[in-house]
Protein backbone atom coordinates (compact mmCIF):
# COMPACT_ATOMS: atom_id res chain seq x y z
CA MET A 1 -5.79 -9.67 -9.98
CA LYS A 2 -9.42 -9.74 -9.16
CA ILE A 3 -12.07 -7.54 -10.91
CA VAL A 4 -15.63 -7.30 -9.81
CA ILE A 5 -18.22 -6.94 -12.42
CA VAL A 6 -21.39 -5.01 -11.31
CA GLU A 7 -23.74 -5.23 -14.33
CA ASP A 8 -27.46 -6.21 -14.39
CA ASP A 9 -27.48 -7.48 -18.04
CA PRO A 10 -26.84 -11.24 -17.98
CA GLY A 11 -25.39 -11.25 -21.52
CA ILE A 12 -23.03 -8.34 -20.92
CA ARG A 13 -22.01 -10.02 -17.48
CA LYS A 14 -21.15 -13.19 -19.19
CA GLU A 15 -19.24 -11.41 -22.09
CA LEU A 16 -17.23 -9.32 -19.43
CA LYS A 17 -16.32 -12.31 -17.26
CA GLN A 18 -15.02 -14.40 -20.31
CA LEU A 19 -13.01 -11.41 -21.52
CA LEU A 20 -11.33 -10.89 -18.28
CA GLU A 21 -10.72 -14.45 -17.64
CA ASN A 22 -9.18 -14.89 -21.17
CA ALA A 23 -6.84 -12.03 -20.11
CA PHE A 24 -5.85 -13.89 -16.95
CA TYR A 25 -7.88 -11.76 -14.46
CA GLU A 26 -10.02 -13.23 -11.84
CA ALA A 27 -13.55 -12.02 -12.43
CA GLU A 28 -16.36 -12.18 -9.80
CA ILE A 29 -19.81 -11.15 -10.69
CA ILE A 30 -22.41 -9.35 -8.47
CA GLU A 31 -25.98 -10.43 -9.23
CA GLU A 32 -27.95 -9.05 -6.13
CA PHE A 33 -27.95 -5.18 -6.33
CA LYS A 34 -28.68 -4.64 -2.63
CA ASP A 35 -26.13 -3.24 -0.41
CA THR A 36 -23.51 -3.64 -3.37
CA ALA A 37 -20.84 -1.46 -1.88
CA GLU A 38 -20.97 -3.46 1.46
CA GLN A 39 -20.69 -6.67 -0.55
CA ILE A 40 -17.71 -5.43 -2.39
CA CYS A 41 -15.89 -3.99 0.77
CA SER A 42 -16.41 -7.41 2.55
CA MET A 43 -14.67 -9.47 -0.15
CA ILE A 44 -11.64 -11.25 0.99
CA PRO A 45 -9.24 -10.77 -0.69
CA ALA A 46 -10.27 -7.34 -1.64
CA PRO A 47 -10.92 -6.72 -5.36
CA ASP A 48 -8.35 -4.65 -7.37
CA LEU A 49 -10.76 -3.09 -9.55
CA VAL A 50 -14.59 -2.66 -10.06
CA LEU A 51 -16.44 -2.53 -13.37
CA LEU A 52 -19.58 -0.64 -12.46
CA ASP A 53 -22.68 -0.13 -14.72
CA TRP A 54 -24.49 3.23 -13.97
CA ASN A 55 -28.10 2.05 -14.36
CA LEU A 56 -28.79 -0.74 -12.02
CA PRO A 57 -32.13 -1.82 -10.38
CA GLY A 58 -32.69 -0.46 -6.95
CA GLU A 59 -29.46 1.52 -6.48
CA SER A 60 -27.64 3.48 -9.03
CA GLY A 61 -23.89 3.07 -9.98
CA PHE A 62 -23.36 6.62 -9.00
CA ASP A 63 -24.54 5.90 -5.41
CA ILE A 64 -22.44 2.65 -5.15
CA CYS A 65 -19.40 4.66 -6.38
CA THR A 66 -19.94 7.22 -3.76
CA LYS A 67 -20.27 4.60 -0.88
CA LEU A 68 -17.28 2.65 -2.16
CA LYS A 69 -15.06 5.79 -2.19
CA GLU A 70 -16.17 6.57 1.44
CA HIS A 71 -14.87 3.21 2.61
CA SER A 72 -11.99 2.15 0.23
CA ASP A 73 -9.65 3.12 -2.39
CA ILE A 74 -10.52 0.36 -4.84
CA PRO A 75 -10.27 1.79 -8.45
CA ILE A 76 -13.66 2.04 -10.28
CA ILE A 77 -14.29 2.15 -13.96
CA PHE A 78 -17.94 3.03 -15.11
CA LEU A 79 -19.16 0.94 -18.05
CA THR A 80 -22.47 2.50 -19.10
CA SER A 81 -24.69 3.22 -22.14
CA ARG A 82 -24.99 6.70 -20.91
CA THR A 83 -23.10 9.19 -23.21
CA ASP A 84 -24.00 12.37 -21.70
CA SER A 85 -20.61 14.32 -20.88
CA MET A 86 -22.15 15.63 -17.63
CA ASP A 87 -22.68 12.00 -16.44
CA GLU A 88 -19.00 11.22 -17.29
CA LEU A 89 -17.81 14.44 -15.39
CA THR A 90 -20.18 13.55 -12.44
CA GLY A 91 -18.69 10.06 -12.25
CA ILE A 92 -15.09 11.18 -12.45
CA LEU A 93 -15.63 13.95 -9.83
CA LYS A 94 -17.17 11.38 -7.37
CA GLY A 95 -13.94 9.30 -7.64
CA ALA A 96 -14.37 7.00 -10.66
CA ASP A 97 -11.11 6.20 -12.27
CA ASP A 98 -12.37 6.03 -15.89
CA TYR A 99 -15.72 6.03 -17.82
CA ILE A 100 -16.28 3.79 -20.70
CA THR A 101 -19.51 3.77 -22.78
CA LYS A 102 -21.25 0.84 -24.37
CA PRO A 103 -20.93 -0.91 -26.70
CA PHE A 104 -17.25 -1.29 -25.69
CA ASN A 105 -14.41 -2.37 -27.82
CA PRO A 106 -12.89 -5.40 -25.93
CA PRO A 107 -9.24 -4.57 -26.70
CA ILE A 108 -9.71 -0.97 -25.73
CA LEU A 109 -11.45 -2.01 -22.52
CA LEU A 110 -8.62 -4.25 -21.49
CA ALA A 111 -6.03 -1.61 -22.28
CA ARG A 112 -7.85 1.00 -20.09
CA ILE A 113 -8.28 -1.59 -17.31
CA GLY A 114 -4.47 -2.23 -17.42
CA VAL A 115 -3.85 1.59 -17.19
CA VAL A 116 -5.88 2.03 -14.26
CA LEU A 117 -4.48 -1.04 -12.50
CA LYS A 118 -0.95 0.12 -13.44
CA ARG A 119 -1.55 3.70 -11.87
CA THR A 120 -2.94 2.12 -8.73
CA THR A 121 -0.07 -0.30 -8.37
CA ASP A 122 2.43 2.57 -8.84
CA LYS A 123 0.73 4.66 -6.37
CA ASN A 124 0.71 1.82 -3.87
CA ALA A 125 4.26 0.91 -4.53
CA GLU A 126 5.37 4.63 -4.11
CA LYS A 127 3.37 4.79 -0.68
CA SER A 128 5.25 1.51 0.40
CA ARG A 129 8.58 2.95 -0.61
CA GLY A 130 7.75 6.10 1.38
CA ASN A 131 6.76 4.03 4.44
CA ALA A 132 9.99 1.99 4.18
CA LEU A 133 12.21 5.11 3.86
CA ASN A 134 10.60 7.11 6.71
CA MET A 135 10.08 4.62 9.70
CA GLU A 136 8.71 5.82 12.96
CA TYR A 137 8.59 4.17 16.38
CA LYS A 138 7.77 5.75 19.71
CA GLY A 139 7.88 9.14 18.15
CA VAL A 140 11.42 8.61 16.58
CA ILE A 141 11.49 9.04 12.94
CA LEU A 142 14.33 7.08 11.00
CA ASN A 143 14.82 8.90 7.74
CA VAL A 144 16.87 6.28 5.69
CA VAL A 145 17.33 8.35 2.63
CA GLY A 146 18.49 11.39 4.60
CA GLY A 147 20.57 9.18 6.90
CA CYS A 148 19.23 10.88 10.15
CA ILE A 149 16.98 10.60 13.05
CA GLU A 150 14.24 13.10 14.09
CA HIS A 151 12.32 13.56 17.30
CA GLU A 152 9.98 16.50 18.12
CA GLY A 153 11.62 18.75 15.62
CA LYS A 154 15.12 17.93 16.65
CA LYS A 155 17.41 16.05 14.09
CA THR A 156 20.97 14.44 14.11
CA ASP A 157 22.80 12.83 11.35
CA LEU A 158 23.90 9.16 11.51
CA THR A 159 27.08 7.47 10.31
CA LYS A 160 26.45 4.39 7.90
CA ASN A 161 26.87 1.83 10.62
CA GLU A 162 24.45 3.68 12.98
CA LEU A 163 21.92 4.00 10.26
CA LYS A 164 22.21 0.25 9.64
CA ILE A 165 21.86 -0.66 13.26
CA LEU A 166 18.68 1.51 13.53
CA HIS A 167 17.30 0.22 10.39
CA LEU A 168 17.64 -3.41 11.39
CA LEU A 169 16.07 -2.57 14.94
CA TYR A 170 13.21 -0.75 13.34
CA GLN A 171 12.38 -3.79 11.07
CA LYS A 172 12.44 -6.05 14.06
CA LYS A 173 10.84 -3.62 16.63
CA GLY A 174 9.73 -5.27 19.70
CA GLU A 175 12.07 -8.19 19.13
CA ILE A 176 15.43 -8.96 20.58
CA VAL A 177 18.06 -8.90 17.75
CA PRO A 178 20.93 -11.15 18.67
CA ARG A 179 24.48 -9.42 18.63
CA MET A 180 25.76 -11.95 16.10
CA ASP A 181 23.01 -11.21 13.74
CA MET A 182 23.72 -7.54 13.99
CA ILE A 183 27.41 -8.06 13.43
CA GLU A 184 26.77 -10.13 10.36
CA TYR A 185 24.35 -7.48 8.97
CA LEU A 186 26.80 -4.65 9.44
CA TRP A 187 30.05 -6.32 8.37
CA ASP A 188 28.75 -9.27 6.21
CA ASN A 189 31.71 -9.75 3.91
CA GLU A 190 34.60 -8.16 6.05
CA VAL A 191 37.24 -10.00 8.02
CA PHE A 192 36.45 -10.82 11.77
CA ILE A 193 35.24 -7.77 13.64
CA ASP A 194 35.86 -7.34 17.37
CA ASP A 195 32.62 -7.69 19.20
CA ASN A 196 33.30 -4.51 21.01
CA THR A 197 33.03 -2.63 17.79
CA LEU A 198 29.25 -3.10 17.89
CA SER A 199 29.06 -1.94 21.48
CA VAL A 200 31.00 1.20 20.64
CA ASN A 201 28.46 1.92 17.72
CA VAL A 202 25.46 1.37 19.84
CA THR A 203 26.86 3.65 22.58
CA ARG A 204 27.42 6.55 20.17
CA LEU A 205 24.02 5.93 18.80
CA ARG A 206 22.48 6.24 22.17
CA GLY A 207 24.32 9.47 22.65
CA LYS A 208 22.96 10.94 19.46
CA LEU A 209 19.44 9.78 20.51
CA ALA A 210 19.94 11.54 23.93
CA ASP A 211 20.98 14.68 21.88
CA ILE A 212 17.53 15.01 20.53
CA GLY A 213 15.88 14.10 23.79
CA VAL A 214 15.31 10.37 23.43
CA LYS A 215 16.45 8.18 26.34
CA ASP A 216 16.21 4.48 26.86
CA PHE A 217 15.17 3.87 23.27
CA ILE A 218 17.65 0.95 22.58
CA GLU A 219 17.33 -1.67 25.32
CA THR A 220 20.28 -4.06 25.93
CA LYS A 221 19.29 -7.66 26.89
CA ARG A 222 22.41 -8.95 28.43
CA GLY A 223 23.83 -12.03 26.88
CA MET A 224 21.18 -11.84 24.07
CA GLY A 225 21.29 -8.55 22.01
CA TYR A 226 19.36 -5.37 21.57
CA ARG A 227 15.73 -4.30 21.18
CA ILE A 228 13.72 -1.17 20.60
C-alpha cells in the first residue's frame, strides 16, 4: 500500500519514510508544496493514505485536506504539532480520518494507520459486494441476493437456473456467451443435460422479463449463444 507523506521538516520526512518502509508500506514524499492536492490526485497508482502536516509553507494542511476531499476519497491522517482541540475538531469535520500530534509514538502511529486503512478497505469491499449483488444493465436490475429482477418499479422472482443464466450474462454483458459455456455453468457436475433444457429456461426467463415490461433483452445469436 502506498502512503504519501506531506511534511516540510526534512528530518521528520526521513523518519516517517523509514518507519513506513520498515513496516512494508510504499512511502512517497512531497517536497514542493504548490498545488499539493493536485499532485496527490494525479499520482498513478493513487495513494492509499496521506499523512498530512498542518503547518506547511504556502498552503496549509487544512486547505490541502479540503481540496483532496472535493476530488477523492483518499483517507487522510493529520500529523501535526498543533494540540488545540478545536484544530483537531476542524480537521475531522473537514474530512480527515484521524489526527495525531507530534512528537508521535511510532508503534501507535503505525497502529492508527492500520486502523484507518482497514476501515477504508472494509468500506470499499462492502461497496464492491453491493455492486456485485445488485447488477444493473439497460435499466434492468438483477438482485442476486433477492433472486429477482426489477424494472421501473416492477419485480418478478427467478428460479435458481434463471438467476444463474442472467448472472452469467450480466458478467459478460455485450459479449456472446456460447450455449455450451452456459450449460457447463448451470449444470457443471451433473450428467448430460439435453441442450433443449437451456432453451426452455431462456424462454421462461424472457417471459418473466416481458411481464415487467422488458422486451428483446436477451438476444439469440443463432448457432453461437446468447447476449444482453
